[in-house]
Amino acid sequence: MDDNATCHRTLAVQDCLDSEGIQRLVWPARSPDLNPIENVWDALGRQVAGRNYPPTNKNTLIRALTEEWDKLPQHLLDNVVQSMVRRGMLHHTPHGGHIPY
């Protein structure tokens, strides 16, 4: 799954996905409300921003992201995965428009 950005559509990216056996999901353009990873990025960002010693350079940012990623609660990740079905069903409702995600 990606956001249909042109940088995700290059031959290099497709070759990498193919080499790993990863298939793309069909995804509507400009639909961040359907993409559950946005919830994970938000939680991760809040965790990093709330640290006692915020990152001050690239190395401390990478370390903070890695440490906070490992601390994300499993129930958050489970809920995000389970929300995919609900998001998909809401997306296919008549008249389109925004969905509550």
PDB file of N, CA and C in Angstrom:
ATOM      1  N   MET A   1       0.847  -1.155   0.000  1.00  0.00           N
ATOM      2  CA  MET A   1       0.000   0.000   0.000  1.00  0.00           C
ATOM      3  C   MET A   1       0.901   1.229   0.000  1.00  0.00           C
ATOM      4  N   ASP A   2       0.588   2.179  -0.819  1.00  0.00           N
ATOM      5  CA  ASP A   2       1.277   3.457  -0.820  1.00  0.00           C
ATOM      6  C   ASP A   2       0.264   4.531  -1.174  1.00  0.00           C
ATOM      7  N   ASP A   3       0.704   5.757  -1.196  1.00  0.00           N
ATOM      8  CA  ASP A   3      -0.237   6.849  -1.433  1.00  0.00           C
ATOM      9  C   ASP A   3      -0.276   7.303  -2.890  1.00  0.00           C
ATOM     10  N   ASN A   4       0.185   6.470  -3.773  1.00  0.00           N
ATOM     11  CA  ASN A   4       0.196   6.748  -5.211  1.00  0.00           C
ATOM     12  C   ASN A   4       1.089   7.918  -5.597  1.00  0.00           C
ATOM     13  N   ALA A   5       1.984   8.323  -4.716  1.00  0.00           N
ATOM     14  CA  ALA A   5       2.927   9.383  -5.065  1.00  0.00           C
ATOM     15  C   ALA A   5       3.842   8.869  -6.172  1.00  0.00           C
ATOM     16  N   THR A   6       4.259   9.765  -7.046  1.00  0.00           N
ATOM     17  CA  THR A   6       5.076   9.344  -8.188  1.00  0.00           C
ATOM     18  C   THR A   6       6.391   8.719  -7.747  1.00  0.00           C
ATOM     19  N   CYS A   7       6.936   9.158  -6.600  1.00  0.00           N
ATOM     20  CA  CYS A   7       8.198   8.557  -6.136  1.00  0.00           C
ATOM     21  C   CYS A   7       8.017   7.091  -5.765  1.00  0.00           C
ATOM     22  N   HIS A   8       6.801   6.667  -5.471  1.00  0.00           N
ATOM     23  CA  HIS A   8       6.529   5.269  -5.150  1.00  0.00           C
ATOM     24  C   HIS A   8       6.257   4.433  -6.395  1.00  0.00           C
ATOM     25  N   ARG A   9       6.219   5.085  -7.537  1.00  0.00           N
ATOM     26  CA  ARG A   9       5.872   4.408  -8.784  1.00  0.00           C
ATOM     27  C   ARG A   9       7.069   4.239  -9.722  1.00  0.00           C
ATOM     28  N   THR A  10       8.266   4.434  -9.224  1.00  0.00           N
ATOM     29  CA  THR A  10       9.446   4.311 -10.077  1.00  0.00           C
ATOM     30  C   THR A  10       9.759   2.841 -10.337  1.00  0.00           C
ATOM     31  N   LEU A  11      10.531   2.606 -11.371  1.00  0.00           N
ATOM     32  CA  LEU A  11      10.952   1.256 -11.703  1.00  0.00           C
ATOM     33  C   LEU A  11      11.792   0.659 -10.570  1.00  0.00           C
ATOM     34  N   ALA A  12      12.620   1.486  -9.930  1.00  0.00           N
ATOM     35  CA  ALA A  12      13.456   0.999  -8.827  1.00  0.00           C
ATOM     36  C   ALA A  12      12.601   0.480  -7.674  1.00  0.00           C
ATOM     37  N   VAL A  13      11.543   1.218  -7.348  1.00  0.00           N
ATOM     38  CA  VAL A  13      10.647   0.783  -6.275  1.00  0.00           C
ATOM     39  C   VAL A  13       9.942  -0.505  -6.683  1.00  0.00           C
ATOM     40  N   GLN A  14       9.447  -0.574  -7.904  1.00  0.00           N
ATOM     41  CA  GLN A  14       8.757  -1.765  -8.366  1.00  0.00           C
ATOM     42  C   GLN A  14       9.688  -2.967  -8.361  1.00  0.00           C
ATOM     43  N   ASP A  15      10.939  -2.773  -8.776  1.00  0.00           N
ATOM     44  CA  ASP A  15      11.917  -3.866  -8.750  1.00  0.00           C
ATOM     45  C   ASP A  15      12.151  -4.352  -7.320  1.00  0.00           C
ATOM     46  N   CYS A  16      12.249  -3.419  -6.388  1.00  0.00           N
ATOM     47  CA  CYS A  16      12.445  -3.787  -4.981  1.00  0.00           C
ATOM     48  C   CYS A  16      11.247  -4.586  -4.460  1.00  0.00           C
ATOM     49  N   LEU A  17      10.043  -4.113  -4.745  1.00  0.00           N
ATOM     50  CA  LEU A  17       8.842  -4.824  -4.313  1.00  0.00           C
ATOM     51  C   LEU A  17       8.779  -6.216  -4.933  1.00  0.00           C
ATOM     52  N   ASP A  18       9.098  -6.300  -6.214  1.00  0.00           N
ATOM     53  CA  ASP A  18       9.090  -7.595  -6.898  1.00  0.00           C
ATOM     54  C   ASP A  18      10.100  -8.547  -6.276  1.00  0.00           C
ATOM     55  N   SER A  19      11.288  -8.033  -5.961  1.00  0.00           N
ATOM     56  CA  SER A  19      12.329  -8.899  -5.407  1.00  0.00           C
ATOM     57  C   SER A  19      11.953  -9.442  -4.029  1.00  0.00           C
ATOM     58  N   GLU A  20      11.080  -8.705  -3.326  1.00  0.00           N
ATOM     59  CA  GLU A  20      10.628  -9.139  -2.000  1.00  0.00           C
ATOM     60  C   GLU A  20       9.289  -9.874  -2.042  1.00  0.00           C
ATOM     61  N   GLY A  21       8.724 -10.011  -3.245  1.00  0.00           N
ATOM     62  CA  GLY A  21       7.448 -10.701  -3.384  1.00  0.00           C
ATOM     63  C   GLY A  21       6.273  -9.905  -2.833  1.00  0.00           C
ATOM     64  N   ILE A  22       6.383  -8.584  -2.862  1.00  0.00           N
ATOM     65  CA  ILE A  22       5.333  -7.717  -2.326  1.00  0.00           C
ATOM     66  C   ILE A  22       4.450  -7.234  -3.470  1.00  0.00           C
ATOM     67  N   GLN A  23       3.135  -7.423  -3.307  1.00  0.00           N
ATOM     68  CA  GLN A  23       2.185  -6.955  -4.306  1.00  0.00           C
ATOM     69  C   GLN A  23       1.519  -5.679  -3.803  1.00  0.00           C
ATOM     70  N   ARG A  24       1.318  -4.734  -4.695  1.00  0.00           N
ATOM     71  CA  ARG A  24       0.647  -3.492  -4.336  1.00  0.00           C
ATOM     72  C   ARG A  24      -0.855  -3.724  -4.184  1.00  0.00           C
ATOM     73  N   LEU A  25      -1.441  -2.987  -3.271  1.00  0.00           N
ATOM     74  CA  LEU A  25      -2.886  -2.941  -3.173  1.00  0.00           C
ATOM     75  C   LEU A  25      -3.380  -1.818  -4.073  1.00  0.00           C
ATOM     76  N   VAL A  26      -4.528  -2.001  -4.676  1.00  0.00           N
ATOM     77  CA  VAL A  26      -5.136  -0.912  -5.439  1.00  0.00           C
ATOM     78  C   VAL A  26      -5.609   0.105  -4.411  1.00  0.00           C
ATOM     79  N   TRP A  27      -5.198   1.340  -4.591  1.00  0.00           N
ATOM     80  CA  TRP A  27      -5.456   2.354  -3.582  1.00  0.00           C
ATOM     81  C   TRP A  27      -5.868   3.649  -4.258  1.00  0.00           C
ATOM     82  N   PRO A  28      -6.969   4.259  -3.858  1.00  0.00           N
ATOM     83  CA  PRO A  28      -7.382   5.511  -4.485  1.00  0.00           C
ATOM     84  C   PRO A  28      -6.381   6.634  -4.195  1.00  0.00           C
ATOM     85  N   ALA A  29      -6.177   7.493  -5.163  1.00  0.00           N
ATOM     86  CA  ALA A  29      -5.265   8.624  -4.987  1.00  0.00           C
ATOM     87  C   ALA A  29      -5.815   9.601  -3.948  1.00  0.00           C
ATOM     88  N   ARG A  30      -4.923  10.263  -3.271  1.00  0.00           N
ATOM     89  CA  ARG A  30      -5.264  11.301  -2.296  1.00  0.00           C
ATOM     90  C   ARG A  30      -6.304  10.823  -1.285  1.00  0.00           C
ATOM     91  N   SER A  31      -6.030   9.698  -0.656  1.00  0.00           N
ATOM     92  CA  SER A  31      -6.964   9.126   0.320  1.00  0.00           C
ATOM     93  C   SER A  31      -6.260   8.790   1.634  1.00  0.00           C
ATOM     94  N   PRO A  32      -5.660   9.782   2.291  1.00  0.00           N
ATOM     95  CA  PRO A  32      -4.951   9.480   3.529  1.00  0.00           C
ATOM     96  C   PRO A  32      -5.867   8.955   4.625  1.00  0.00           C
ATOM     97  N   ASP A  33      -7.175   9.275   4.551  1.00  0.00           N
ATOM     98  CA  ASP A  33      -8.104   8.781   5.560  1.00  0.00           C
ATOM     99  C   ASP A  33      -8.282   7.269   5.481  1.00  0.00           C
ATOM    100  N   LEU A  34      -7.916   6.663   4.369  1.00  0.00           N
ATOM    101  CA  LEU A  34      -8.021   5.215   4.233  1.00  0.00           C
ATOM    102  C   LEU A  34      -6.750   4.501   4.681  1.00  0.00           C
ATOM    103  N   ASN A  35      -5.661   5.228   4.825  1.00  0.00           N
ATOM    104  CA  ASN A  35      -4.375   4.602   5.087  1.00  0.00           C
ATOM    105  C   ASN A  35      -4.121   4.498   6.592  1.00  0.00           C
ATOM    106  N   PRO A  36      -4.196   3.300   7.154  1.00  0.00           N
ATOM    107  CA  PRO A  36      -4.076   3.149   8.602  1.00  0.00           C
ATOM    108  C   PRO A  36      -2.681   3.466   9.138  1.00  0.00           C
ATOM    109  N   ILE A  37      -1.663   3.463   8.294  1.00  0.00           N
ATOM    110  CA  ILE A  37      -0.315   3.753   8.793  1.00  0.00           C
ATOM    111  C   ILE A  37      -0.238   5.181   9.313  1.00  0.00           C
ATOM    112  N   GLU A  38      -1.126   6.053   8.841  1.00  0.00           N
ATOM    113  CA  GLU A  38      -1.116   7.435   9.326  1.00  0.00           C
ATOM    114  C   GLU A  38      -1.358   7.479  10.833  1.00  0.00           C
ATOM    115  N   ASN A  39      -2.199   6.573  11.355  1.00  0.00           N
ATOM    116  CA  ASN A  39      -2.438   6.504  12.795  1.00  0.00           C
ATOM    117  C   ASN A  39      -1.179   6.067  13.540  1.00  0.00           C
ATOM    118  N   VAL A  40      -0.443   5.163  12.946  1.00  0.00           N
ATOM    119  CA  VAL A  40       0.791   4.679  13.574  1.00  0.00           C
ATOM    120  C   VAL A  40       1.838   5.794  13.569  1.00  0.00           C
ATOM    121  N   TRP A  41       1.979   6.499  12.430  1.00  0.00           N
ATOM    122  CA  TRP A  41       2.955   7.600  12.369  1.00  0.00           C
ATOM    123  C   TRP A  41       2.609   8.657  13.413  1.00  0.00           C
ATOM    124  N   ASP A  42       1.322   8.946  13.582  1.00  0.00           N
ATOM    125  CA  ASP A  42       0.898   9.936  14.565  1.00  0.00           C
ATOM    126  C   ASP A  42       1.302   9.504  15.971  1.00  0.00           C
ATOM    127  N   ALA A  43       1.014   8.258  16.332  1.00  0.00           N
ATOM    128  CA  ALA A  43       1.362   7.749  17.658  1.00  0.00           C
ATOM    129  C   ALA A  43       2.875   7.772  17.868  1.00  0.00           C
ATOM    130  N   LEU A  44       3.614   7.359  16.863  1.00  0.00           N
ATOM    131  CA  LEU A  44       5.071   7.347  16.959  1.00  0.00           C
ATOM    132  C   LEU A  44       5.611   8.769  17.124  1.00  0.00           C
ATOM    133  N   GLY A  45       5.091   9.696  16.352  1.00  0.00           N
ATOM    134  CA  GLY A  45       5.526  11.089  16.455  1.00  0.00           C
ATOM    135  C   GLY A  45       5.253  11.687  17.827  1.00  0.00           C
ATOM    136  N   ARG A  46       4.082  11.371  18.379  1.00  0.00           N
ATOM    137  CA  ARG A  46       3.756  11.880  19.710  1.00  0.00           C
ATOM    138  C   ARG A  46       4.693  11.301  20.767  1.00  0.00           C
ATOM    139  N   GLN A  47       5.033  10.023  20.615  1.00  0.00           N
ATOM    140  CA  GLN A  47       5.951   9.390  21.569  1.00  0.00           C
ATOM    141  C   GLN A  47       7.341  10.031  21.498  1.00  0.00           C
ATOM    142  N   VAL A  48       7.827  10.251  20.291  1.00  0.00           N
ATOM    143  CA  VAL A  48       9.157  10.853  20.129  1.00  0.00           C
ATOM    144  C   VAL A  48       9.142  12.291  20.661  1.00  0.00           C
ATOM    145  N   ALA A  49       8.092  13.042  20.350  1.00  0.00           N
ATOM    146  CA  ALA A  49       8.011  14.436  20.801  1.00  0.00           C
ATOM    147  C   ALA A  49       7.906  14.535  22.321  1.00  0.00           C
ATOM    148  N   GLY A  50       7.348  13.518  22.963  1.00  0.00           N
ATOM    149  CA  GLY A  50       7.159  13.543  24.405  1.00  0.00           C
ATOM    150  C   GLY A  50       8.329  13.013  25.209  1.00  0.00           C
ATOM    151  N   ARG A  51       9.404  12.680  24.562  1.00  0.00           N
ATOM    152  CA  ARG A  51      10.572  12.151  25.281  1.00  0.00           C
ATOM    153  C   ARG A  51      11.191  13.235  26.164  1.00  0.00           C
ATOM    154  N   ASN A  52      11.811  12.808  27.272  1.00  0.00           N
ATOM    155  CA  ASN A  52      12.491  13.749  28.164  1.00  0.00           C
ATOM    156  C   ASN A  52      13.620  14.480  27.449  1.00  0.00           C
ATOM    157  N   TYR A  53      14.304  13.789  26.545  1.00  0.00           N
ATOM    158  CA  TYR A  53      15.407  14.375  25.792  1.00  0.00           C
ATOM    159  C   TYR A  53      15.114  14.198  24.309  1.00  0.00           C
ATOM    160  N   PRO A  54      14.422  15.170  23.711  1.00  0.00           N
ATOM    161  CA  PRO A  54      14.073  15.050  22.293  1.00  0.00           C
ATOM    162  C   PRO A  54      15.316  14.929  21.415  1.00  0.00           C
ATOM    163  N   PRO A  55      15.180  14.275  20.276  1.00  0.00           N
ATOM    164  CA  PRO A  55      16.312  14.132  19.360  1.00  0.00           C
ATOM    165  C   PRO A  55      16.815  15.494  18.882  1.00  0.00           C
ATOM    166  N   THR A  56      18.124  15.592  18.749  1.00  0.00           N
ATOM    167  CA  THR A  56      18.720  16.855  18.305  1.00  0.00           C
ATOM    168  C   THR A  56      19.490  16.726  17.007  1.00  0.00           C
ATOM    169  N   ASN A  57      19.630  15.493  16.524  1.00  0.00           N
ATOM    170  CA  ASN A  57      20.316  15.286  15.250  1.00  0.00           C
ATOM    171  C   ASN A  57      19.807  13.988  14.627  1.00  0.00           C
ATOM    172  N   LYS A  58      20.304  13.679  13.462  1.00  0.00           N
ATOM    173  CA  LYS A  58      19.820  12.511  12.724  1.00  0.00           C
ATOM    174  C   LYS A  58      19.999  11.218  13.519  1.00  0.00           C
ATOM    175  N   ASN A  59      21.167  11.042  14.133  1.00  0.00           N
ATOM    176  CA  ASN A  59      21.432   9.791  14.864  1.00  0.00           C
ATOM    177  C   ASN A  59      20.516   9.626  16.069  1.00  0.00           C
ATOM    178  N   THR A  60      20.302  10.718  16.828  1.00  0.00           N
ATOM    179  CA  THR A  60      19.415  10.587  17.987  1.00  0.00           C
ATOM    180  C   THR A  60      17.959  10.440  17.548  1.00  0.00           C
ATOM    181  N   LEU A  61      17.599  11.008  16.398  1.00  0.00           N
ATOM    182  CA  LEU A  61      16.251  10.814  15.869  1.00  0.00           C
ATOM    183  C   LEU A  61      16.035   9.354  15.480  1.00  0.00           C
ATOM    184  N   ILE A  62      16.985   8.772  14.780  1.00  0.00           N
ATOM    185  CA  ILE A  62      16.870   7.360  14.387  1.00  0.00           C
ATOM    186  C   ILE A  62      16.764   6.487  15.630  1.00  0.00           C
ATOM    187  N   ARG A  63      17.585   6.756  16.631  1.00  0.00           N
ATOM    188  CA  ARG A  63      17.543   5.969  17.872  1.00  0.00           C
ATOM    189  C   ARG A  63      16.191   6.136  18.560  1.00  0.00           C
ATOM    190  N   ALA A  64      15.699   7.373  18.645  1.00  0.00           N
ATOM    191  CA  ALA A  64      14.411   7.625  19.301  1.00  0.00           C
ATOM    192  C   ALA A  64      13.274   6.938  18.563  1.00  0.00           C
ATOM    193  N   LEU A  65      13.267   7.036  17.234  1.00  0.00           N
ATOM    194  CA  LEU A  65      12.219   6.378  16.449  1.00  0.00           C
ATOM    195  C   LEU A  65      12.237   4.872  16.649  1.00  0.00           C
ATOM    196  N   THR A  66      13.433   4.295  16.652  1.00  0.00           N
ATOM    197  CA  THR A  66      13.557   2.849  16.834  1.00  0.00           C
ATOM    198  C   THR A  66      13.077   2.431  18.219  1.00  0.00           C
ATOM    199  N   GLU A  67      13.497   3.162  19.231  1.00  0.00           N
ATOM    200  CA  GLU A  67      13.092   2.820  20.599  1.00  0.00           C
ATOM    201  C   GLU A  67      11.591   2.975  20.786  1.00  0.00           C
ATOM    202  N   GLU A  68      11.027   4.065  20.280  1.00  0.00           N
ATOM    203  CA  GLU A  68       9.594   4.292  20.450  1.00  0.00           C
ATOM    204  C   GLU A  68       8.765   3.337  19.599  1.00  0.00           C
ATOM    205  N   TRP A  69       9.275   2.969  18.427  1.00  0.00           N
ATOM    206  CA  TRP A  69       8.579   1.978  17.593  1.00  0.00           C
ATOM    207  C   TRP A  69       8.428   0.672  18.366  1.00  0.00           C
ATOM    208  N   ASP A  70       9.511   0.267  19.037  1.00  0.00           N
ATOM    209  CA  ASP A  70       9.485  -0.978  19.801  1.00  0.00           C
ATOM    210  C   ASP A  70       8.525  -0.922  20.983  1.00  0.00           C
ATOM    211  N   LYS A  71       8.197   0.280  21.434  1.00  0.00           N
ATOM    212  CA  LYS A  71       7.293   0.449  22.574  1.00  0.00           C
ATOM    213  C   LYS A  71       5.828   0.615  22.177  1.00  0.00           C
ATOM    214  N   LEU A  72       5.552   0.745  20.883  1.00  0.00           N
ATOM    215  CA  LEU A  72       4.147   0.919  20.484  1.00  0.00           C
ATOM    216  C   LEU A  72       3.335  -0.272  20.982  1.00  0.00           C
ATOM    217  N   PRO A  73       2.200  -0.018  21.603  1.00  0.00           N
ATOM    218  CA  PRO A  73       1.406  -1.121  22.139  1.00  0.00           C
ATOM    219  C   PRO A  73       0.836  -2.007  21.023  1.00  0.00           C
ATOM    220  N   GLN A  74       0.879  -3.288  21.258  1.00  0.00           N
ATOM    221  CA  GLN A  74       0.385  -4.240  20.265  1.00  0.00           C
ATOM    222  C   GLN A  74      -1.077  -3.995  19.946  1.00  0.00           C
ATOM    223  N   HIS A  75      -1.856  -3.591  20.947  1.00  0.00           N
ATOM    224  CA  HIS A  75      -3.286  -3.362  20.687  1.00  0.00           C
ATOM    225  C   HIS A  75      -3.489  -2.222  19.690  1.00  0.00           C
ATOM    226  N   LEU A  76      -2.604  -1.217  19.683  1.00  0.00           N
ATOM    227  CA  LEU A  76      -2.702  -0.144  18.689  1.00  0.00           C
ATOM    228  C   LEU A  76      -2.508  -0.711  17.291  1.00  0.00           C
ATOM    229  N   LEU A  77      -1.483  -1.522  17.131  1.00  0.00           N
ATOM    230  CA  LEU A  77      -1.201  -2.113  15.819  1.00  0.00           C
ATOM    231  C   LEU A  77      -2.316  -3.059  15.394  1.00  0.00           C
ATOM    232  N   ASP A  78      -2.831  -3.842  16.333  1.00  0.00           N
ATOM    233  CA  ASP A  78      -3.943  -4.751  16.021  1.00  0.00           C
ATOM    234  C   ASP A  78      -5.180  -3.962  15.573  1.00  0.00           C
ATOM    235  N   ASN A  79      -5.486  -2.874  16.284  1.00  0.00           N
ATOM    236  CA  ASN A  79      -6.654  -2.065  15.931  1.00  0.00           C
ATOM    237  C   ASN A  79      -6.502  -1.434  14.549  1.00  0.00           C
ATOM    238  N   VAL A  80      -5.290  -1.003  14.232  1.00  0.00           N
ATOM    239  CA  VAL A  80      -5.042  -0.398  12.927  1.00  0.00           C
ATOM    240  C   VAL A  80      -5.274  -1.427  11.821  1.00  0.00           C
ATOM    241  N   VAL A  81      -4.770  -2.630  12.016  1.00  0.00           N
ATOM    242  CA  VAL A  81      -4.958  -3.686  11.016  1.00  0.00           C
ATOM    243  C   VAL A  81      -6.438  -4.025  10.881  1.00  0.00           C
ATOM    244  N   GLN A  82      -7.131  -4.172  11.996  1.00  0.00           N
ATOM    245  CA  GLN A  82      -8.551  -4.519  11.953  1.00  0.00           C
ATOM    246  C   GLN A  82      -9.394  -3.410  11.334  1.00  0.00           C
ATOM    247  N   SER A  83      -8.920  -2.171  11.430  1.00  0.00           N
ATOM    248  CA  SER A  83      -9.693  -1.064  10.873  1.00  0.00           C
ATOM    249  C   SER A  83      -9.704  -1.085   9.349  1.00  0.00           C
ATOM    250  N   MET A  84      -8.805  -1.829   8.741  1.00  0.00           N
ATOM    251  CA  MET A  84      -8.753  -1.877   7.276  1.00  0.00           C
ATOM    252  C   MET A  84     -10.085  -2.331   6.671  1.00  0.00           C
ATOM    253  N   VAL A  85     -10.712  -3.319   7.272  1.00  0.00           N
ATOM    254  CA  VAL A  85     -11.989  -3.815   6.748  1.00  0.00           C
ATOM    255  C   VAL A  85     -13.045  -2.717   6.846  1.00  0.00           C
ATOM    256  N   ARG A  86     -13.103  -2.056   8.013  1.00  0.00           N
ATOM    257  CA  ARG A  86     -14.095  -0.984   8.193  1.00  0.00           C
ATOM    258  C   ARG A  86     -13.839   0.161   7.217  1.00  0.00           C
ATOM    259  N   ARG A  87     -12.593   0.524   7.037  1.00  0.00           N
ATOM    260  CA  ARG A  87     -12.256   1.609   6.114  1.00  0.00           C
ATOM    261  C   ARG A  87     -12.661   1.240   4.686  1.00  0.00           C
ATOM    262  N   GLY A  88     -12.381   0.014   4.312  1.00  0.00           N
ATOM    263  CA  GLY A  88     -12.749  -0.436   2.971  1.00  0.00           C
ATOM    264  C   GLY A  88     -14.238  -0.422   2.745  1.00  0.00           C
ATOM    265  N   MET A  89     -14.996  -0.866   3.747  1.00  0.00           N
ATOM    266  CA  MET A  89     -16.454  -0.893   3.610  1.00  0.00           C
ATOM    267  C   MET A  89     -17.011   0.529   3.533  1.00  0.00           C
ATOM    268  N   LEU A  90     -16.492   1.444   4.351  1.00  0.00           N
ATOM    269  CA  LEU A  90     -16.965   2.821   4.324  1.00  0.00           C
ATOM    270  C   LEU A  90     -16.620   3.502   3.013  1.00  0.00           C
ATOM    271  N   HIS A  91     -15.473   3.138   2.455  1.00  0.00           N
ATOM    272  CA  HIS A  91     -15.033   3.746   1.196  1.00  0.00           C
ATOM    273  C   HIS A  91     -15.990   3.413   0.064  1.00  0.00           C
ATOM    274  N   HIS A  92     -16.610   2.253   0.129  1.00  0.00           N
ATOM    275  CA  HIS A  92     -17.487   1.818  -0.954  1.00  0.00           C
ATOM    276  C   HIS A  92     -18.942   2.229  -0.755  1.00  0.00           C
ATOM    277  N   THR A  93     -19.215   3.071   0.246  1.00  0.00           N
ATOM    278  CA  THR A  93     -20.588   3.528   0.435  1.00  0.00           C
ATOM    279  C   THR A  93     -20.953   4.503  -0.672  1.00  0.00           C
ATOM    280  N   PRO A  94     -22.240   4.612  -0.974  1.00  0.00           N
ATOM    281  CA  PRO A  94     -22.661   5.517  -2.050  1.00  0.00           C
ATOM    282  C   PRO A  94     -22.296   6.969  -1.764  1.00  0.00           C
ATOM    283  N   HIS A  95     -22.049   7.717  -2.790  1.00  0.00           N
ATOM    284  CA  HIS A  95     -21.822   9.153  -2.768  1.00  0.00           C
ATOM    285  C   HIS A  95     -20.425   9.558  -2.292  1.00  0.00           C
ATOM    286  N   GLY A  96     -19.556   8.624  -1.971  1.00  0.00           N
ATOM    287  CA  GLY A  96     -18.177   8.974  -1.623  1.00  0.00           C
ATOM    288  C   GLY A  96     -18.097   9.906  -0.435  1.00  0.00           C
ATOM    289  N   GLY A  97     -17.229  10.871  -0.518  1.00  0.00           N
ATOM    290  CA  GLY A  97     -17.067  11.825   0.566  1.00  0.00           C
ATOM    291  C   GLY A  97     -16.086  11.335   1.612  1.00  0.00           C
ATOM    292  N   HIS A  98     -15.951  12.096   2.683  1.00  0.00           N
ATOM    293  CA  HIS A  98     -15.015  11.754   3.752  1.00  0.00           C
ATOM    294  C   HIS A  98     -15.581  10.630   4.607  1.00  0.00           C
ATOM    295  N   ILE A  99     -14.683   9.847   5.180  1.00  0.00           N
ATOM    296  CA  ILE A  99     -15.086   8.815   6.126  1.00  0.00           C
ATOM    297  C   ILE A  99     -14.527   9.200   7.495  1.00  0.00           C
ATOM    298  N   PRO A 100     -15.094   8.665   8.568  1.00  0.00           N
ATOM    299  CA  PRO A 100     -14.702   9.119   9.913  1.00  0.00           C
ATOM    300  C   PRO A 100     -13.398   8.496  10.410  1.00  0.00           C
ATOM    301  N   TYR A 101     -12.305   8.627   9.655  1.00  0.00           N
ATOM    302  CA  TYR A 101     -11.001   8.124  10.108  1.00  0.00           C
ATOM    303  C   TYR A 101      -9.974   9.191   9.961  1.00  0.00           C
TER     304      TYR A 101
END
